[in-house]
Amino acid sequence: MPQLSPLSWLFLFVLFWAVVFLVLSLLWWESNQDLSVGLISENKKFKPSESVWYWN
């Protein structure tokens, strides 16, 4: 393994944990049912109000 400078080791350390937290946050976001777009379309009672724009 080639010699790395301390700054490179620090960069690799930060990059590793940034990727770990990014993957964990994406997994949490996908598993969160409240923020799912599919749930809104499945809800039959949900009727979005139609926005009416009066342009003169």
N, C-alpha and C. Protein backbone atom coordinates (compact mmCIF):
# COMPACT_ATOMS: atom_id res chain seq x y z
N MET A 1 0.86 -1.18 0.00
CA MET A 1 0.00 0.00 0.00
C MET A 1 0.90 1.24 0.00
N PRO A 2 0.60 2.18 -0.86
CA PRO A 2 1.45 3.37 -0.92
C PRO A 2 1.29 4.24 0.33
N GLN A 3 2.30 5.00 0.58
CA GLN A 3 2.26 5.90 1.73
C GLN A 3 1.31 7.06 1.43
N LEU A 4 0.47 7.35 2.39
CA LEU A 4 -0.46 8.47 2.25
C LEU A 4 -0.12 9.53 3.29
N SER A 5 -0.32 10.75 2.91
CA SER A 5 -0.08 11.84 3.86
C SER A 5 -1.19 11.86 4.90
N PRO A 6 -0.93 12.45 6.05
CA PRO A 6 -1.99 12.53 7.07
C PRO A 6 -3.24 13.24 6.57
N LEU A 7 -3.07 14.22 5.69
CA LEU A 7 -4.23 14.92 5.14
C LEU A 7 -5.07 13.99 4.27
N SER A 8 -4.44 13.09 3.55
CA SER A 8 -5.17 12.13 2.74
C SER A 8 -5.92 11.13 3.61
N TRP A 9 -5.30 10.69 4.71
CA TRP A 9 -6.00 9.79 5.63
C TRP A 9 -7.21 10.48 6.24
N LEU A 10 -7.05 11.75 6.59
CA LEU A 10 -8.18 12.51 7.14
C LEU A 10 -9.30 12.63 6.11
N PHE A 11 -8.94 12.90 4.87
CA PHE A 11 -9.94 12.99 3.80
C PHE A 11 -10.65 11.66 3.61
N LEU A 12 -9.92 10.57 3.60
CA LEU A 12 -10.55 9.25 3.45
C LEU A 12 -11.46 8.92 4.62
N PHE A 13 -11.06 9.30 5.83
CA PHE A 13 -11.88 9.06 7.01
C PHE A 13 -13.20 9.83 6.92
N VAL A 14 -13.11 11.11 6.55
CA VAL A 14 -14.32 11.93 6.43
C VAL A 14 -15.19 11.42 5.28
N LEU A 15 -14.58 11.04 4.19
CA LEU A 15 -15.34 10.54 3.05
C LEU A 15 -16.07 9.24 3.40
N PHE A 16 -15.41 8.36 4.10
CA PHE A 16 -16.03 7.09 4.50
C PHE A 16 -17.26 7.34 5.36
N TRP A 17 -17.14 8.17 6.40
CA TRP A 17 -18.28 8.40 7.28
C TRP A 17 -19.38 9.21 6.61
N ALA A 18 -19.01 10.07 5.66
CA ALA A 18 -20.05 10.80 4.92
C ALA A 18 -20.87 9.84 4.07
N VAL A 19 -20.21 8.86 3.45
CA VAL A 19 -20.94 7.87 2.65
C VAL A 19 -21.81 6.99 3.55
N VAL A 20 -21.29 6.61 4.71
CA VAL A 20 -22.07 5.78 5.64
C VAL A 20 -23.33 6.53 6.08
N PHE A 21 -23.19 7.79 6.48
CA PHE A 21 -24.36 8.55 6.92
C PHE A 21 -25.32 8.83 5.76
N LEU A 22 -24.79 9.02 4.57
CA LEU A 22 -25.66 9.24 3.42
C LEU A 22 -26.48 8.00 3.12
N VAL A 23 -25.87 6.84 3.14
CA VAL A 23 -26.60 5.59 2.89
C VAL A 23 -27.63 5.34 3.98
N LEU A 24 -27.26 5.57 5.23
CA LEU A 24 -28.22 5.37 6.32
C LEU A 24 -29.41 6.33 6.21
N SER A 25 -29.13 7.58 5.84
CA SER A 25 -30.23 8.54 5.72
C SER A 25 -31.13 8.20 4.54
N LEU A 26 -30.55 7.69 3.45
CA LEU A 26 -31.38 7.28 2.32
C LEU A 26 -32.24 6.07 2.66
N LEU A 27 -31.67 5.13 3.40
CA LEU A 27 -32.46 3.97 3.82
C LEU A 27 -33.58 4.39 4.76
N TRP A 28 -33.31 5.33 5.66
CA TRP A 28 -34.35 5.82 6.56
C TRP A 28 -35.44 6.54 5.78
N TRP A 29 -35.04 7.35 4.80
CA TRP A 29 -36.01 8.11 4.01
C TRP A 29 -36.92 7.18 3.21
N GLU A 30 -36.35 6.12 2.65
CA GLU A 30 -37.16 5.18 1.88
C GLU A 30 -38.09 4.35 2.76
N SER A 31 -37.68 4.09 4.00
CA SER A 31 -38.52 3.28 4.88
C SER A 31 -39.57 4.11 5.60
N ASN A 32 -39.46 5.41 5.56
CA ASN A 32 -40.41 6.27 6.25
C ASN A 32 -41.72 6.31 5.46
N GLN A 33 -42.80 5.83 6.04
CA GLN A 33 -44.07 5.70 5.33
C GLN A 33 -44.81 7.03 5.22
N ASP A 34 -44.55 7.96 6.12
CA ASP A 34 -45.28 9.22 6.11
C ASP A 34 -44.91 10.09 4.92
N LEU A 35 -43.69 9.97 4.42
CA LEU A 35 -43.24 10.83 3.35
C LEU A 35 -43.32 10.16 1.99
N SER A 36 -43.97 9.02 1.92
CA SER A 36 -44.06 8.28 0.67
C SER A 36 -45.09 8.91 -0.24
N VAL A 37 -44.74 9.10 -1.50
CA VAL A 37 -45.66 9.70 -2.47
C VAL A 37 -46.75 8.71 -2.83
N GLY A 38 -46.45 7.41 -2.82
CA GLY A 38 -47.43 6.40 -3.17
C GLY A 38 -48.61 6.36 -2.22
N LEU A 39 -48.39 6.69 -0.96
CA LEU A 39 -49.49 6.68 0.00
C LEU A 39 -50.51 7.76 -0.32
N ILE A 40 -50.07 8.89 -0.81
CA ILE A 40 -51.00 9.98 -1.09
C ILE A 40 -51.90 9.60 -2.27
N SER A 41 -51.32 8.95 -3.27
CA SER A 41 -52.14 8.59 -4.43
C SER A 41 -53.09 7.45 -4.09
N GLU A 42 -52.75 6.60 -3.11
CA GLU A 42 -53.63 5.50 -2.74
C GLU A 42 -54.79 5.97 -1.86
N ASN A 43 -54.64 7.12 -1.22
CA ASN A 43 -55.69 7.62 -0.35
C ASN A 43 -56.82 8.19 -1.21
N LYS A 44 -57.98 7.55 -1.15
CA LYS A 44 -59.10 7.96 -2.00
C LYS A 44 -59.75 9.25 -1.50
N LYS A 45 -59.62 9.54 -0.21
CA LYS A 45 -60.26 10.73 0.34
C LYS A 45 -59.49 12.00 0.02
N PHE A 46 -58.25 11.85 -0.38
CA PHE A 46 -57.42 13.02 -0.65
C PHE A 46 -57.77 13.60 -2.01
N LYS A 47 -58.31 14.81 -2.01
CA LYS A 47 -58.63 15.49 -3.25
C LYS A 47 -57.91 16.83 -3.25
N PRO A 48 -56.91 16.97 -4.08
CA PRO A 48 -56.21 18.26 -4.10
C PRO A 48 -57.12 19.33 -4.69
N SER A 49 -57.13 20.47 -4.05
CA SER A 49 -57.96 21.55 -4.57
C SER A 49 -57.30 22.13 -5.82
N GLU A 50 -58.13 22.40 -6.77
CA GLU A 50 -57.62 22.91 -8.03
C GLU A 50 -57.35 24.39 -7.88
N SER A 51 -56.14 24.80 -8.17
CA SER A 51 -55.82 26.21 -8.05
C SER A 51 -56.27 26.93 -9.32
N VAL A 52 -56.97 28.01 -9.14
CA VAL A 52 -57.51 28.76 -10.27
C VAL A 52 -56.77 30.08 -10.32
N TRP A 53 -56.21 30.37 -11.48
CA TRP A 53 -55.49 31.61 -11.69
C TRP A 53 -56.29 32.49 -12.66
N TYR A 54 -56.60 33.68 -12.22
CA TYR A 54 -57.34 34.63 -13.06
C TYR A 54 -56.34 35.63 -13.62
N TRP A 55 -56.01 35.43 -14.87
CA TRP A 55 -55.07 36.35 -15.53
C TRP A 55 -55.87 37.40 -16.29
N ASN A 56 -55.57 38.65 -16.06
CA ASN A 56 -56.26 39.74 -16.75
C ASN A 56 -55.45 40.27 -17.90
